[in-house]
Each structure stands twice: as structure tokens, then as C-alpha cells.
Amino acid sequence: MANPKRKFSKARTRKRAATWKLAAVNVSICSQCQQPKQPHRLCPNCGYYRGKEIITPENA
């Protein structure tokens, strides 16, 4: 089994780890109620998806 000849410095390790960032969540606008929602998902505000009512919202 191969072993490293010397220890990686903390700076080298942290420089490599610094590229792992979270991406911002994409947001689109619902065509029915104009509220922000995630794309390709049911609108949590009005219950519509692609122009059809899928569920009846509980806050209505």
C-alpha cells in the first residue's frame, strides 16, 4: 500500500477544500399566483403545476 512521503500542509488542504461551495437555489415565478417557487415543482402557495391545479392549498 502506498503512503505519502510527507504531510500535506494545512494551506494546501484548505486551498483544495475552498472550492466546495454551495450554489444558490434557483427560483422561478409561478404563472398562476406570481409567487417565487423552485422550477419544475408544484407551487407551495397555490398548488398549481404547469397550469393545472394538483392540490388544493390548505391556507385557502
N, C-alpha and C. Protein backbone atom coordinates (compact mmCIF):
# COMPACT_ATOMS: atom_id res chain seq x y z
N MET A 1 0.85 -1.18 0.00
CA MET A 1 0.00 0.00 0.00
C MET A 1 0.90 1.25 0.00
N ALA A 2 0.60 2.18 -0.88
CA ALA A 2 1.42 3.38 -0.99
C ALA A 2 1.09 4.38 0.11
N ASN A 3 2.12 5.03 0.62
CA ASN A 3 1.96 6.06 1.65
C ASN A 3 2.61 7.35 1.16
N PRO A 4 2.05 8.51 1.57
CA PRO A 4 2.69 9.76 1.17
C PRO A 4 4.05 9.93 1.85
N LYS A 5 4.99 10.54 1.12
CA LYS A 5 6.34 10.74 1.68
C LYS A 5 6.36 11.80 2.76
N ARG A 6 5.53 12.85 2.61
CA ARG A 6 5.47 13.87 3.65
C ARG A 6 4.04 14.39 3.78
N LYS A 7 3.79 15.03 4.92
CA LYS A 7 2.45 15.52 5.25
C LYS A 7 2.07 16.70 4.36
N PHE A 8 0.81 16.72 3.91
CA PHE A 8 0.30 17.87 3.17
C PHE A 8 0.13 19.03 4.14
N SER A 9 0.52 20.22 3.71
CA SER A 9 0.37 21.38 4.58
C SER A 9 -1.11 21.74 4.74
N LYS A 10 -1.43 22.45 5.80
CA LYS A 10 -2.81 22.87 6.03
C LYS A 10 -3.28 23.81 4.93
N ALA A 11 -2.39 24.67 4.44
CA ALA A 11 -2.76 25.62 3.39
C ALA A 11 -3.14 24.88 2.11
N ARG A 12 -2.38 23.85 1.76
CA ARG A 12 -2.67 23.10 0.55
C ARG A 12 -4.02 22.38 0.66
N THR A 13 -4.27 21.78 1.81
CA THR A 13 -5.53 21.08 2.03
C THR A 13 -6.70 22.05 2.01
N ARG A 14 -6.57 23.18 2.66
CA ARG A 14 -7.66 24.16 2.73
C ARG A 14 -7.90 24.84 1.40
N LYS A 15 -6.84 25.01 0.61
CA LYS A 15 -6.98 25.60 -0.73
C LYS A 15 -7.83 24.70 -1.61
N ARG A 16 -7.62 23.40 -1.50
CA ARG A 16 -8.39 22.43 -2.27
C ARG A 16 -9.85 22.38 -1.78
N ALA A 17 -10.04 22.46 -0.47
CA ALA A 17 -11.37 22.38 0.11
C ALA A 17 -12.18 23.67 -0.11
N ALA A 18 -11.51 24.78 -0.43
CA ALA A 18 -12.19 26.07 -0.58
C ALA A 18 -13.07 26.12 -1.82
N THR A 19 -12.87 25.21 -2.76
CA THR A 19 -13.67 25.23 -4.00
C THR A 19 -15.03 24.56 -3.83
N TRP A 20 -15.26 23.89 -2.72
CA TRP A 20 -16.54 23.22 -2.46
C TRP A 20 -17.51 24.22 -1.85
N LYS A 21 -18.28 24.87 -2.72
CA LYS A 21 -19.22 25.88 -2.24
C LYS A 21 -20.65 25.45 -2.58
N LEU A 22 -21.57 25.89 -1.78
CA LEU A 22 -22.98 25.64 -2.06
C LEU A 22 -23.46 26.63 -3.10
N ALA A 23 -24.25 26.14 -4.04
CA ALA A 23 -24.82 27.01 -5.07
C ALA A 23 -26.14 27.59 -4.55
N ALA A 24 -26.47 28.78 -5.01
CA ALA A 24 -27.74 29.40 -4.62
C ALA A 24 -28.90 28.63 -5.26
N VAL A 25 -30.02 28.58 -4.57
CA VAL A 25 -31.19 27.86 -5.07
C VAL A 25 -31.82 28.64 -6.22
N ASN A 26 -32.14 27.94 -7.31
CA ASN A 26 -32.81 28.58 -8.44
C ASN A 26 -34.25 28.89 -8.07
N VAL A 27 -34.75 30.01 -8.54
CA VAL A 27 -36.11 30.43 -8.24
C VAL A 27 -36.77 30.87 -9.54
N SER A 28 -38.00 30.42 -9.75
CA SER A 28 -38.79 30.89 -10.87
C SER A 28 -40.09 31.47 -10.32
N ILE A 29 -40.89 32.06 -11.19
CA ILE A 29 -42.14 32.69 -10.78
C ILE A 29 -43.31 31.79 -11.19
N CYS A 30 -44.24 31.59 -10.29
CA CYS A 30 -45.43 30.80 -10.58
C CYS A 30 -46.30 31.57 -11.58
N SER A 31 -46.78 30.86 -12.59
CA SER A 31 -47.59 31.52 -13.62
C SER A 31 -49.00 31.85 -13.13
N GLN A 32 -49.45 31.22 -12.05
CA GLN A 32 -50.79 31.46 -11.53
C GLN A 32 -50.82 32.60 -10.51
N CYS A 33 -49.95 32.51 -9.50
CA CYS A 33 -50.03 33.45 -8.38
C CYS A 33 -48.85 34.42 -8.32
N GLN A 34 -47.89 34.29 -9.23
CA GLN A 34 -46.73 35.19 -9.32
C GLN A 34 -45.84 35.15 -8.08
N GLN A 35 -45.88 34.07 -7.32
CA GLN A 35 -45.02 33.91 -6.15
C GLN A 35 -43.77 33.14 -6.55
N PRO A 36 -42.64 33.36 -5.88
CA PRO A 36 -41.44 32.59 -6.21
C PRO A 36 -41.59 31.12 -5.81
N LYS A 37 -41.05 30.24 -6.66
CA LYS A 37 -41.08 28.81 -6.39
C LYS A 37 -39.88 28.17 -7.06
N GLN A 38 -39.58 26.94 -6.70
CA GLN A 38 -38.49 26.22 -7.34
C GLN A 38 -38.98 25.73 -8.71
N PRO A 39 -38.11 25.77 -9.73
CA PRO A 39 -38.54 25.32 -11.04
C PRO A 39 -38.84 23.82 -11.07
N HIS A 40 -39.80 23.41 -11.91
CA HIS A 40 -40.21 22.02 -12.11
C HIS A 40 -40.79 21.41 -10.84
N ARG A 41 -41.39 22.25 -10.01
CA ARG A 41 -42.02 21.75 -8.79
C ARG A 41 -43.37 22.43 -8.60
N LEU A 42 -44.20 21.78 -7.85
CA LEU A 42 -45.52 22.29 -7.51
C LEU A 42 -45.37 23.59 -6.73
N CYS A 43 -46.23 24.56 -7.01
CA CYS A 43 -46.19 25.82 -6.27
C CYS A 43 -46.74 25.59 -4.87
N PRO A 44 -45.96 25.89 -3.83
CA PRO A 44 -46.46 25.66 -2.48
C PRO A 44 -47.54 26.66 -2.06
N ASN A 45 -47.65 27.77 -2.78
CA ASN A 45 -48.61 28.79 -2.42
C ASN A 45 -50.01 28.49 -2.97
N CYS A 46 -50.09 28.14 -4.27
CA CYS A 46 -51.41 27.96 -4.89
C CYS A 46 -51.71 26.51 -5.28
N GLY A 47 -50.71 25.63 -5.30
CA GLY A 47 -50.96 24.22 -5.61
C GLY A 47 -51.01 23.91 -7.10
N TYR A 48 -50.58 24.82 -7.97
CA TYR A 48 -50.62 24.60 -9.41
C TYR A 48 -49.26 24.11 -9.91
N TYR A 49 -49.32 23.30 -10.97
CA TYR A 49 -48.11 22.89 -11.69
C TYR A 49 -48.45 22.83 -13.17
N ARG A 50 -47.73 23.59 -13.97
CA ARG A 50 -47.91 23.67 -15.43
C ARG A 50 -49.36 24.01 -15.81
N GLY A 51 -49.96 24.93 -15.07
CA GLY A 51 -51.29 25.43 -15.40
C GLY A 51 -52.45 24.59 -14.90
N LYS A 52 -52.18 23.51 -14.18
CA LYS A 52 -53.24 22.65 -13.66
C LYS A 52 -53.17 22.62 -12.14
N GLU A 53 -54.34 22.63 -11.50
CA GLU A 53 -54.37 22.55 -10.04
C GLU A 53 -54.15 21.10 -9.64
N ILE A 54 -53.09 20.85 -8.91
CA ILE A 54 -52.74 19.50 -8.48
C ILE A 54 -53.27 19.23 -7.09
N ILE A 55 -53.06 20.16 -6.19
CA ILE A 55 -53.60 20.03 -4.83
C ILE A 55 -54.31 21.32 -4.47
N THR A 56 -55.23 21.22 -3.54
CA THR A 56 -55.89 22.41 -3.01
C THR A 56 -55.05 22.91 -1.84
N PRO A 57 -54.60 24.15 -1.87
CA PRO A 57 -53.77 24.62 -0.76
C PRO A 57 -54.58 24.68 0.54
N GLU A 58 -53.88 24.40 1.64
CA GLU A 58 -54.55 24.35 2.95
C GLU A 58 -54.85 25.72 3.52
N ASN A 59 -54.15 26.76 3.03
CA ASN A 59 -54.38 28.09 3.58
C ASN A 59 -55.48 28.84 2.85
N ALA A 60 -56.16 28.20 1.90
CA ALA A 60 -57.24 28.87 1.14
C ALA A 60 -58.56 28.74 1.84
